Structures are given as C-alpha cells and as structure tokens.
Amino acid sequence: MKIEKTLNGNELTIALEGRLDTVTAPELEKELKESLPGVNTLTLDFAKLDYISSAGLRVLLSAHKTMSKSGGMRVVNVNEMVMEVFEVTGFSDILTLS
C-alpha cells in the first residue's frame, strides 16, 4: 500500500493506494498516530484504494474516534467494492462519505 500525505495548515489529506488489510493496516495506524496531533480535519482519499479488510476498518474507526474529539474526518472517492464493505458493516452510517 502507498500512503501519500498532504498537510495544509491544520487540514491533513491522506491518499491511499492498493490494499488496506492485515499487512498494511499497522502502517496506516502508525502514520495517523504521528500525523494527527494538531490536525482539525482529516480527509482520507480512497480513489486508488482497491480493497479494505476488517483490520483496515479498525484503523478507520480509531481515527474517526480521535478526529471526532478534535474536528472531523471524511472519506472521499470510495469505489463500489469498498463502499459495499462500508454498507455491509454499517460503516456507511458512521463515517462521513463523499
């Protein structure tokens, strides 16, 4: 998985490419822990994300909880396959998707 970060003031955008699964979720989790302090808005760009597993969902839920205390989080450019996972798991009701 490839992670690309863009920080604009206190707004962070993280674009993911590839698969967010058991192998790559710890990498994203580490990146978020290092990057979120001082961030008010987190945008996750899933335009190039092919797959998400339960390990990836856990990282998203953790980031959502963190960001709900300090601002907000949204997920953009979600493809059909990932959206289906969000809908089946109920994440589409929890996350801000656009």
PDB file of N, CA and C in Angstrom:
ATOM      1  N   MET A   1       0.844  -1.176   0.000  1.00  0.00           N
ATOM      2  CA  MET A   1       0.000   0.000   0.000  1.00  0.00           C
ATOM      3  C   MET A   1       0.890   1.241   0.000  1.00  0.00           C
ATOM      4  N   LYS A   2       0.463   2.240  -0.731  1.00  0.00           N
ATOM      5  CA  LYS A   2       1.178   3.511  -0.797  1.00  0.00           C
ATOM      6  C   LYS A   2       0.357   4.563  -0.046  1.00  0.00           C
ATOM      7  N   ILE A   3       1.041   5.350   0.801  1.00  0.00           N
ATOM      8  CA  ILE A   3       0.392   6.416   1.568  1.00  0.00           C
ATOM      9  C   ILE A   3       0.991   7.745   1.129  1.00  0.00           C
ATOM     10  N   GLU A   4       0.133   8.664   0.737  1.00  0.00           N
ATOM     11  CA  GLU A   4       0.584   9.993   0.335  1.00  0.00           C
ATOM     12  C   GLU A   4      -0.115  11.033   1.208  1.00  0.00           C
ATOM     13  N   LYS A   5       0.685  11.820   1.936  1.00  0.00           N
ATOM     14  CA  LYS A   5       0.135  12.818   2.859  1.00  0.00           C
ATOM     15  C   LYS A   5       0.283  14.219   2.290  1.00  0.00           C
ATOM     16  N   THR A   6      -0.749  15.044   2.524  1.00  0.00           N
ATOM     17  CA  THR A   6      -0.696  16.456   2.172  1.00  0.00           C
ATOM     18  C   THR A   6      -1.232  17.234   3.360  1.00  0.00           C
ATOM     19  N   LEU A   7      -0.380  18.063   3.956  1.00  0.00           N
ATOM     20  CA  LEU A   7      -0.786  18.883   5.093  1.00  0.00           C
ATOM     21  C   LEU A   7      -0.937  20.314   4.630  1.00  0.00           C
ATOM     22  N   ASN A   8      -2.128  20.881   4.865  1.00  0.00           N
ATOM     23  CA  ASN A   8      -2.415  22.261   4.501  1.00  0.00           C
ATOM     24  C   ASN A   8      -2.917  22.956   5.759  1.00  0.00           C
ATOM     25  N   GLY A   9      -2.011  23.608   6.474  1.00  0.00           N
ATOM     26  CA  GLY A   9      -2.376  24.213   7.756  1.00  0.00           C
ATOM     27  C   GLY A   9      -2.707  23.113   8.744  1.00  0.00           C
ATOM     28  N   ASN A  10      -3.951  23.107   9.228  1.00  0.00           N
ATOM     29  CA  ASN A  10      -4.367  22.059  10.162  1.00  0.00           C
ATOM     30  C   ASN A  10      -5.307  21.042   9.497  1.00  0.00           C
ATOM     31  N   GLU A  11      -5.250  20.974   8.162  1.00  0.00           N
ATOM     32  CA  GLU A  11      -6.042  20.009   7.404  1.00  0.00           C
ATOM     33  C   GLU A  11      -5.104  19.001   6.752  1.00  0.00           C
ATOM     34  N   LEU A  12      -5.331  17.732   7.058  1.00  0.00           N
ATOM     35  CA  LEU A  12      -4.491  16.662   6.535  1.00  0.00           C
ATOM     36  C   LEU A  12      -5.295  15.799   5.570  1.00  0.00           C
ATOM     37  N   THR A  13      -4.725  15.556   4.397  1.00  0.00           N
ATOM     38  CA  THR A  13      -5.311  14.630   3.443  1.00  0.00           C
ATOM     39  C   THR A  13      -4.351  13.460   3.279  1.00  0.00           C
ATOM     40  N   ILE A  14      -4.886  12.267   3.416  1.00  0.00           N
ATOM     41  CA  ILE A  14      -4.094  11.054   3.211  1.00  0.00           C
ATOM     42  C   ILE A  14      -4.732  10.268   2.080  1.00  0.00           C
ATOM     43  N   ALA A  15      -3.975  10.079   1.014  1.00  0.00           N
ATOM     44  CA  ALA A  15      -4.429   9.292  -0.130  1.00  0.00           C
ATOM     45  C   ALA A  15      -3.811   7.899  -0.021  1.00  0.00           C
ATOM     46  N   LEU A  16      -4.649   6.882  -0.148  1.00  0.00           N
ATOM     47  CA  LEU A  16      -4.181   5.507  -0.060  1.00  0.00           C
ATOM     48  C   LEU A  16      -4.279   4.843  -1.424  1.00  0.00           C
ATOM     49  N   GLU A  17      -3.277   4.020  -1.722  1.00  0.00           N
ATOM     50  CA  GLU A  17      -3.271   3.287  -2.985  1.00  0.00           C
ATOM     51  C   GLU A  17      -2.947   1.829  -2.704  1.00  0.00           C
ATOM     52  N   GLY A  18      -3.760   0.929  -3.232  1.00  0.00           N
ATOM     53  CA  GLY A  18      -3.510  -0.502  -3.050  1.00  0.00           C
ATOM     54  C   GLY A  18      -4.534  -1.142  -2.141  1.00  0.00           C
ATOM     55  N   ARG A  19      -4.025  -1.930  -1.166  1.00  0.00           N
ATOM     56  CA  ARG A  19      -4.891  -2.693  -0.274  1.00  0.00           C
ATOM     57  C   ARG A  19      -4.655  -2.271   1.168  1.00  0.00           C
ATOM     58  N   LEU A  20      -5.744  -2.044   1.886  1.00  0.00           N
ATOM     59  CA  LEU A  20      -5.677  -1.758   3.320  1.00  0.00           C
ATOM     60  C   LEU A  20      -6.159  -3.018   4.031  1.00  0.00           C
ATOM     61  N   ASP A  21      -5.194  -3.830   4.472  1.00  0.00           N
ATOM     62  CA  ASP A  21      -5.522  -5.134   5.039  1.00  0.00           C
ATOM     63  C   ASP A  21      -4.671  -5.403   6.279  1.00  0.00           C
ATOM     64  N   THR A  22      -4.642  -6.642   6.708  1.00  0.00           N
ATOM     65  CA  THR A  22      -3.919  -7.022   7.928  1.00  0.00           C
ATOM     66  C   THR A  22      -2.437  -6.660   7.846  1.00  0.00           C
ATOM     67  N   VAL A  23      -1.869  -6.760   6.674  1.00  0.00           N
ATOM     68  CA  VAL A  23      -0.442  -6.469   6.497  1.00  0.00           C
ATOM     69  C   VAL A  23      -0.174  -4.964   6.514  1.00  0.00           C
ATOM     70  N   THR A  24      -1.037  -4.179   5.881  1.00  0.00           N
ATOM     71  CA  THR A  24      -0.761  -2.751   5.706  1.00  0.00           C
ATOM     72  C   THR A  24      -1.446  -1.849   6.734  1.00  0.00           C
ATOM     73  N   ALA A  25      -2.463  -2.346   7.443  1.00  0.00           N
ATOM     74  CA  ALA A  25      -3.181  -1.518   8.423  1.00  0.00           C
ATOM     75  C   ALA A  25      -2.261  -0.948   9.504  1.00  0.00           C
ATOM     76  N   PRO A  26      -1.291  -1.722  10.045  1.00  0.00           N
ATOM     77  CA  PRO A  26      -0.399  -1.140  11.053  1.00  0.00           C
ATOM     78  C   PRO A  26       0.413   0.048  10.526  1.00  0.00           C
ATOM     79  N   GLU A  27       0.739   0.015   9.249  1.00  0.00           N
ATOM     80  CA  GLU A  27       1.478   1.123   8.629  1.00  0.00           C
ATOM     81  C   GLU A  27       0.631   2.403   8.641  1.00  0.00           C
ATOM     82  N   LEU A  28      -0.643   2.286   8.272  1.00  0.00           N
ATOM     83  CA  LEU A  28      -1.531   3.445   8.289  1.00  0.00           C
ATOM     84  C   LEU A  28      -1.773   3.907   9.717  1.00  0.00           C
ATOM     85  N   GLU A  29      -1.948   2.977  10.623  1.00  0.00           N
ATOM     86  CA  GLU A  29      -2.180   3.322  12.021  1.00  0.00           C
ATOM     87  C   GLU A  29      -1.009   4.129  12.587  1.00  0.00           C
ATOM     88  N   LYS A  30       0.205   3.699  12.290  1.00  0.00           N
ATOM     89  CA  LYS A  30       1.418   4.413  12.732  1.00  0.00           C
ATOM     90  C   LYS A  30       1.462   5.810  12.126  1.00  0.00           C
ATOM     91  N   GLU A  31       1.177   5.902  10.850  1.00  0.00           N
ATOM     92  CA  GLU A  31       1.185   7.184  10.144  1.00  0.00           C
ATOM     93  C   GLU A  31       0.175   8.147  10.759  1.00  0.00           C
ATOM     94  N   LEU A  32      -1.016   7.654  11.076  1.00  0.00           N
ATOM     95  CA  LEU A  32      -2.051   8.503  11.670  1.00  0.00           C
ATOM     96  C   LEU A  32      -1.654   8.968  13.060  1.00  0.00           C
ATOM     97  N   LYS A  33      -1.112   8.084  13.880  1.00  0.00           N
ATOM     98  CA  LYS A  33      -0.708   8.461  15.238  1.00  0.00           C
ATOM     99  C   LYS A  33       0.345   9.564  15.208  1.00  0.00           C
ATOM    100  N   GLU A  34       1.244   9.492  14.236  1.00  0.00           N
ATOM    101  CA  GLU A  34       2.299  10.501  14.112  1.00  0.00           C
ATOM    102  C   GLU A  34       1.778  11.808  13.527  1.00  0.00           C
ATOM    103  N   SER A  35       0.768  11.734  12.674  1.00  0.00           N
ATOM    104  CA  SER A  35       0.335  12.896  11.903  1.00  0.00           C
ATOM    105  C   SER A  35      -0.855  13.651  12.482  1.00  0.00           C
ATOM    106  N   LEU A  36      -1.688  13.008  13.298  1.00  0.00           N
ATOM    107  CA  LEU A  36      -2.943  13.637  13.722  1.00  0.00           C
ATOM    108  C   LEU A  36      -2.824  14.740  14.775  1.00  0.00           C
ATOM    109  N   PRO A  37      -1.830  14.714  15.658  1.00  0.00           N
ATOM    110  CA  PRO A  37      -1.763  15.818  16.629  1.00  0.00           C
ATOM    111  C   PRO A  37      -1.706  17.175  15.923  1.00  0.00           C
ATOM    112  N   GLY A  38      -2.621  18.072  16.320  1.00  0.00           N
ATOM    113  CA  GLY A  38      -2.681  19.402  15.724  1.00  0.00           C
ATOM    114  C   GLY A  38      -3.553  19.496  14.490  1.00  0.00           C
ATOM    115  N   VAL A  39      -4.068  18.364  14.022  1.00  0.00           N
ATOM    116  CA  VAL A  39      -4.912  18.347  12.826  1.00  0.00           C
ATOM    117  C   VAL A  39      -6.378  18.483  13.235  1.00  0.00           C
ATOM    118  N   ASN A  40      -7.099  19.385  12.572  1.00  0.00           N
ATOM    119  CA  ASN A  40      -8.528  19.574  12.846  1.00  0.00           C
ATOM    120  C   ASN A  40      -9.408  18.817  11.861  1.00  0.00           C
ATOM    121  N   THR A  41      -8.940  18.653  10.631  1.00  0.00           N
ATOM    122  CA  THR A  41      -9.724  17.984   9.601  1.00  0.00           C
ATOM    123  C   THR A  41      -8.865  16.933   8.923  1.00  0.00           C
ATOM    124  N   LEU A  42      -9.380  15.710   8.893  1.00  0.00           N
ATOM    125  CA  LEU A  42      -8.702  14.615   8.216  1.00  0.00           C
ATOM    126  C   LEU A  42      -9.560  14.163   7.046  1.00  0.00           C
ATOM    127  N   THR A  43      -8.955  14.127   5.868  1.00  0.00           N
ATOM    128  CA  THR A  43      -9.624  13.602   4.682  1.00  0.00           C
ATOM    129  C   THR A  43      -8.842  12.384   4.214  1.00  0.00           C
ATOM    130  N   LEU A  44      -9.537  11.276   4.072  1.00  0.00           N
ATOM    131  CA  LEU A  44      -8.931  10.064   3.524  1.00  0.00           C
ATOM    132  C   LEU A  44      -9.429   9.899   2.098  1.00  0.00           C
ATOM    133  N   ASP A  45      -8.507   9.911   1.161  1.00  0.00           N
ATOM    134  CA  ASP A  45      -8.843   9.791  -0.257  1.00  0.00           C
ATOM    135  C   ASP A  45      -8.635   8.341  -0.694  1.00  0.00           C
ATOM    136  N   PHE A  46      -9.741   7.680  -1.027  1.00  0.00           N
ATOM    137  CA  PHE A  46      -9.701   6.269  -1.387  1.00  0.00           C
ATOM    138  C   PHE A  46      -9.800   6.053  -2.894  1.00  0.00           C
ATOM    139  N   ALA A  47      -9.488   7.059  -3.697  1.00  0.00           N
ATOM    140  CA  ALA A  47      -9.608   6.952  -5.156  1.00  0.00           C
ATOM    141  C   ALA A  47      -8.834   5.755  -5.707  1.00  0.00           C
ATOM    142  N   LYS A  48      -7.697   5.429  -5.098  1.00  0.00           N
ATOM    143  CA  LYS A  48      -6.860   4.341  -5.609  1.00  0.00           C
ATOM    144  C   LYS A  48      -6.796   3.163  -4.642  1.00  0.00           C
ATOM    145  N   LEU A  49      -7.721   3.133  -3.663  1.00  0.00           N
ATOM    146  CA  LEU A  49      -7.762   2.008  -2.735  1.00  0.00           C
ATOM    147  C   LEU A  49      -8.587   0.885  -3.355  1.00  0.00           C
ATOM    148  N   ASP A  50      -7.982  -0.295  -3.480  1.00  0.00           N
ATOM    149  CA  ASP A  50      -8.634  -1.422  -4.141  1.00  0.00           C
ATOM    150  C   ASP A  50      -9.433  -2.296  -3.190  1.00  0.00           C
ATOM    151  N   TYR A  51      -9.014  -2.356  -1.920  1.00  0.00           N
ATOM    152  CA  TYR A  51      -9.579  -3.336  -1.001  1.00  0.00           C
ATOM    153  C   TYR A  51      -9.403  -2.851   0.429  1.00  0.00           C
ATOM    154  N   ILE A  52     -10.364  -3.176   1.297  1.00  0.00           N
ATOM    155  CA  ILE A  52     -10.234  -2.902   2.721  1.00  0.00           C
ATOM    156  C   ILE A  52     -10.713  -4.114   3.501  1.00  0.00           C
ATOM    157  N   SER A  53      -9.954  -4.496   4.531  1.00  0.00           N
ATOM    158  CA  SER A  53     -10.321  -5.649   5.360  1.00  0.00           C
ATOM    159  C   SER A  53     -10.775  -5.140   6.733  1.00  0.00           C
ATOM    160  N   SER A  54     -11.124  -6.074   7.606  1.00  0.00           N
ATOM    161  CA  SER A  54     -11.547  -5.699   8.952  1.00  0.00           C
ATOM    162  C   SER A  54     -10.435  -4.979   9.712  1.00  0.00           C
ATOM    163  N   ALA A  55      -9.195  -5.316   9.435  1.00  0.00           N
ATOM    164  CA  ALA A  55      -8.069  -4.616  10.080  1.00  0.00           C
ATOM    165  C   ALA A  55      -8.041  -3.153   9.642  1.00  0.00           C
ATOM    166  N   GLY A  56      -8.325  -2.908   8.383  1.00  0.00           N
ATOM    167  CA  GLY A  56      -8.399  -1.541   7.882  1.00  0.00           C
ATOM    168  C   GLY A  56      -9.566  -0.789   8.483  1.00  0.00           C
ATOM    169  N   LEU A  57     -10.698  -1.471   8.633  1.00  0.00           N
ATOM    170  CA  LEU A  57     -11.872  -0.845   9.248  1.00  0.00           C
ATOM    171  C   LEU A  57     -11.582  -0.434  10.692  1.00  0.00           C
ATOM    172  N   ARG A  58     -10.831  -1.267  11.399  1.00  0.00           N
ATOM    173  CA  ARG A  58     -10.470  -0.950  12.786  1.00  0.00           C
ATOM    174  C   ARG A  58      -9.657   0.344  12.851  1.00  0.00           C
ATOM    175  N   VAL A  59      -8.719   0.507  11.939  1.00  0.00           N
ATOM    176  CA  VAL A  59      -7.898   1.724  11.891  1.00  0.00           C
ATOM    177  C   VAL A  59      -8.776   2.941  11.583  1.00  0.00           C
ATOM    178  N   LEU A  60      -9.723   2.789  10.659  1.00  0.00           N
ATOM    179  CA  LEU A  60     -10.634   3.892  10.328  1.00  0.00           C
ATOM    180  C   LEU A  60     -11.490   4.278  11.528  1.00  0.00           C
ATOM    181  N   LEU A  61     -11.982   3.291  12.251  1.00  0.00           N
ATOM    182  CA  LEU A  61     -12.811   3.560  13.424  1.00  0.00           C
ATOM    183  C   LEU A  61     -12.013   4.298  14.496  1.00  0.00           C
ATOM    184  N   SER A  62     -10.793   3.884  14.710  1.00  0.00           N
ATOM    185  CA  SER A  62      -9.922   4.543  15.676  1.00  0.00           C
ATOM    186  C   SER A  62      -9.656   5.997  15.270  1.00  0.00           C
ATOM    187  N   ALA A  63      -9.361   6.214  14.000  1.00  0.00           N
ATOM    188  CA  ALA A  63      -9.119   7.580  13.506  1.00  0.00           C
ATOM    189  C   ALA A  63     -10.383   8.424  13.630  1.00  0.00           C
ATOM    190  N   HIS A  64     -11.528   7.820  13.353  1.00  0.00           N
ATOM    191  CA  HIS A  64     -12.808   8.532  13.459  1.00  0.00           C
ATOM    192  C   HIS A  64     -13.045   8.987  14.895  1.00  0.00           C
ATOM    193  N   LYS A  65     -12.778   8.115  15.848  1.00  0.00           N
ATOM    194  CA  LYS A  65     -12.951   8.465  17.266  1.00  0.00           C
ATOM    195  C   LYS A  65     -12.019   9.598  17.655  1.00  0.00           C
ATOM    196  N   THR A  66     -10.776   9.518  17.236  1.00  0.00           N
ATOM    197  CA  THR A  66      -9.800  10.562  17.536  1.00  0.00           C
ATOM    198  C   THR A  66     -10.221  11.894  16.932  1.00  0.00           C
ATOM    199  N   MET A  67     -10.616  11.875  15.672  1.00  0.00           N
ATOM    200  CA  MET A  67     -10.948  13.115  14.977  1.00  0.00           C
ATOM    201  C   MET A  67     -12.289  13.697  15.427  1.00  0.00           C
ATOM    202  N   SER A  68     -13.185  12.887  15.947  1.00  0.00           N
ATOM    203  CA  SER A  68     -14.465  13.426  16.409  1.00  0.00           C
ATOM    204  C   SER A  68     -14.270  14.315  17.633  1.00  0.00           C
ATOM    205  N   LYS A  69     -13.147  14.161  18.332  1.00  0.00           N
ATOM    206  CA  LYS A  69     -12.833  14.996  19.501  1.00  0.00           C
ATOM    207  C   LYS A  69     -12.155  16.302  19.104  1.00  0.00           C
ATOM    208  N   SER A  70     -11.500  16.310  17.946  1.00  0.00           N
ATOM    209  CA  SER A  70     -10.688  17.475  17.596  1.00  0.00           C
ATOM    210  C   SER A  70     -11.088  18.132  16.282  1.00  0.00           C
ATOM    211  N   GLY A  71     -12.156  17.707  15.689  1.00  0.00           N
ATOM    212  CA  GLY A  71     -12.555  18.292  14.402  1.00  0.00           C
ATOM    213  C   GLY A  71     -13.440  17.335  13.653  1.00  0.00           C
ATOM    214  N   GLY A  72     -12.944  16.792  12.560  1.00  0.00           N
ATOM    215  CA  GLY A  72     -13.761  15.880  11.785  1.00  0.00           C
ATOM    216  C   GLY A  72     -12.943  15.069  10.813  1.00  0.00           C
ATOM    217  N   MET A  73     -13.581  14.029  10.297  1.00  0.00           N
ATOM    218  CA  MET A  73     -12.931  13.144   9.339  1.00  0.00           C
ATOM    219  C   MET A  73     -13.934  12.803   8.251  1.00  0.00           C
ATOM    220  N   ARG A  74     -13.447  12.764   7.024  1.00  0.00           N
ATOM    221  CA  ARG A  74     -14.304  12.335   5.924  1.00  0.00           C
ATOM    222  C   ARG A  74     -13.513  11.425   5.007  1.00  0.00           C
ATOM    223  N   VAL A  75     -14.241  10.572   4.312  1.00  0.00           N
ATOM    224  CA  VAL A  75     -13.643   9.641   3.363  1.00  0.00           C
ATOM    225  C   VAL A  75     -14.214   9.979   1.996  1.00  0.00           C
ATOM    226  N   VAL A  76     -13.334  10.209   1.023  1.00  0.00           N
ATOM    227  CA  VAL A  76     -13.774  10.628  -0.306  1.00  0.00           C
ATOM    228  C   VAL A  76     -13.323   9.623  -1.368  1.00  0.00           C
ATOM    229  N   ASN A  77     -13.990   9.670  -2.509  1.00  0.00           N
ATOM    230  CA  ASN A  77     -13.635   8.859  -3.685  1.00  0.00           C
ATOM    231  C   ASN A  77     -13.646   7.356  -3.393  1.00  0.00           C
ATOM    232  N   VAL A  78     -14.695   6.897  -2.736  1.00  0.00           N
ATOM    233  CA  VAL A  78     -14.808   5.487  -2.376  1.00  0.00           C
ATOM    234  C   VAL A  78     -15.361   4.697  -3.569  1.00  0.00           C
ATOM    235  N   ASN A  79     -14.664   3.639  -3.971  1.00  0.00           N
ATOM    236  CA  ASN A  79     -15.137   2.824  -5.092  1.00  0.00           C
ATOM    237  C   ASN A  79     -16.258   1.879  -4.635  1.00  0.00           C
ATOM    238  N   GLU A  80     -16.875   1.206  -5.586  1.00  0.00           N
ATOM    239  CA  GLU A  80     -18.031   0.349  -5.296  1.00  0.00           C
ATOM    240  C   GLU A  80     -17.702  -0.792  -4.339  1.00  0.00           C
ATOM    241  N   MET A  81     -16.550  -1.416  -4.519  1.00  0.00           N
ATOM    242  CA  MET A  81     -16.188  -2.561  -3.687  1.00  0.00           C
ATOM    243  C   MET A  81     -16.013  -2.145  -2.219  1.00  0.00           C
ATOM    244  N   VAL A  82     -15.282  -1.053  -2.001  1.00  0.00           N
ATOM    245  CA  VAL A  82     -15.067  -0.569  -0.637  1.00  0.00           C
ATOM    246  C   VAL A  82     -16.380  -0.052  -0.053  1.00  0.00           C
ATOM    247  N   MET A  83     -17.194   0.614  -0.859  1.00  0.00           N
ATOM    248  CA  MET A  83     -18.492   1.109  -0.388  1.00  0.00           C
ATOM    249  C   MET A  83     -19.378  -0.043   0.058  1.00  0.00           C
ATOM    250  N   GLU A  84     -19.323  -1.149  -0.659  1.00  0.00           N
ATOM    251  CA  GLU A  84     -20.113  -2.319  -0.278  1.00  0.00           C
ATOM    252  C   GLU A  84     -19.683  -2.833   1.096  1.00  0.00           C
ATOM    253  N   VAL A  85     -18.386  -2.849   1.353  1.00  0.00           N
ATOM    254  CA  VAL A  85     -17.883  -3.253   2.672  1.00  0.00           C
ATOM    255  C   VAL A  85     -18.403  -2.289   3.736  1.00  0.00           C
ATOM    256  N   PHE A  86     -18.357  -0.978   3.455  1.00  0.00           N
ATOM    257  CA  PHE A  86     -18.860   0.021   4.401  1.00  0.00           C
ATOM    258  C   PHE A  86     -20.349  -0.199   4.684  1.00  0.00           C
ATOM    259  N   GLU A  87     -21.119  -0.509   3.644  1.00  0.00           N
ATOM    260  CA  GLU A  87     -22.564  -0.686   3.815  1.00  0.00           C
ATOM    261  C   GLU A  87     -22.885  -1.959   4.600  1.00  0.00           C
ATOM    262  N   VAL A  88     -22.211  -3.052   4.298  1.00  0.00           N
ATOM    263  CA  VAL A  88     -22.464  -4.327   4.975  1.00  0.00           C
ATOM    264  C   VAL A  88     -22.083  -4.247   6.462  1.00  0.00           C
ATOM    265  N   THR A  89     -21.010  -3.529   6.764  1.00  0.00           N
ATOM    266  CA  THR A  89     -20.525  -3.452   8.146  1.00  0.00           C
ATOM    267  C   THR A  89     -21.166  -2.322   8.945  1.00  0.00           C
ATOM    268  N   GLY A  90     -21.924  -1.456   8.276  1.00  0.00           N
ATOM    269  CA  GLY A  90     -22.532  -0.328   8.970  1.00  0.00           C
ATOM    270  C   GLY A  90     -21.643   0.899   9.047  1.00  0.00           C
ATOM    271  N   PHE A  91     -20.439   0.823   8.480  1.00  0.00           N
ATOM    272  CA  PHE A  91     -19.534   1.968   8.497  1.00  0.00           C
ATOM    273  C   PHE A  91     -20.081   3.132   7.677  1.00  0.00           C
ATOM    274  N   SER A  92     -20.948   2.839   6.715  1.00  0.00           N
ATOM    275  CA  SER A  92     -21.526   3.928   5.912  1.00  0.00           C
ATOM    276  C   SER A  92     -22.418   4.816   6.774  1.00  0.00           C
ATOM    277  N   ASP A  93     -22.896   4.292   7.901  1.00  0.00           N
ATOM    278  CA  ASP A  93     -23.704   5.103   8.835  1.00  0.00           C
ATOM    279  C   ASP A  93     -22.847   5.872   9.815  1.00  0.00           C
ATOM    280  N   ILE A  94     -21.615   5.424  10.024  1.00  0.00           N
ATOM    281  CA  ILE A  94     -20.710   6.038  10.998  1.00  0.00           C
ATOM    282  C   ILE A  94     -19.843   7.115  10.359  1.00  0.00           C
ATOM    283  N   LEU A  95     -19.262   6.799   9.205  1.00  0.00           N
ATOM    284  CA  LEU A  95     -18.307   7.686   8.549  1.00  0.00           C
ATOM    285  C   LEU A  95     -18.999   8.736   7.698  1.00  0.00           C
ATOM    286  N   THR A  96     -18.332   9.861   7.523  1.00  0.00           N
ATOM    287  CA  THR A  96     -18.781  10.886   6.587  1.00  0.00           C
ATOM    288  C   THR A  96     -18.163  10.547   5.236  1.00  0.00           C
ATOM    289  N   LEU A  97     -18.991  10.162   4.287  1.00  0.00           N
ATOM    290  CA  LEU A  97     -18.526   9.754   2.967  1.00  0.00           C
ATOM    291  C   LEU A  97     -18.949  10.765   1.927  1.00  0.00           C
ATOM    292  N   SER A  98     -18.032  11.081   1.019  1.00  0.00           N
ATOM    293  CA  SER A  98     -18.386  11.993  -0.075  1.00  0.00           C
ATOM    294  C   SER A  98     -17.551  11.714  -1.290  1.00  0.00           C
TER     295      SER A  98
END
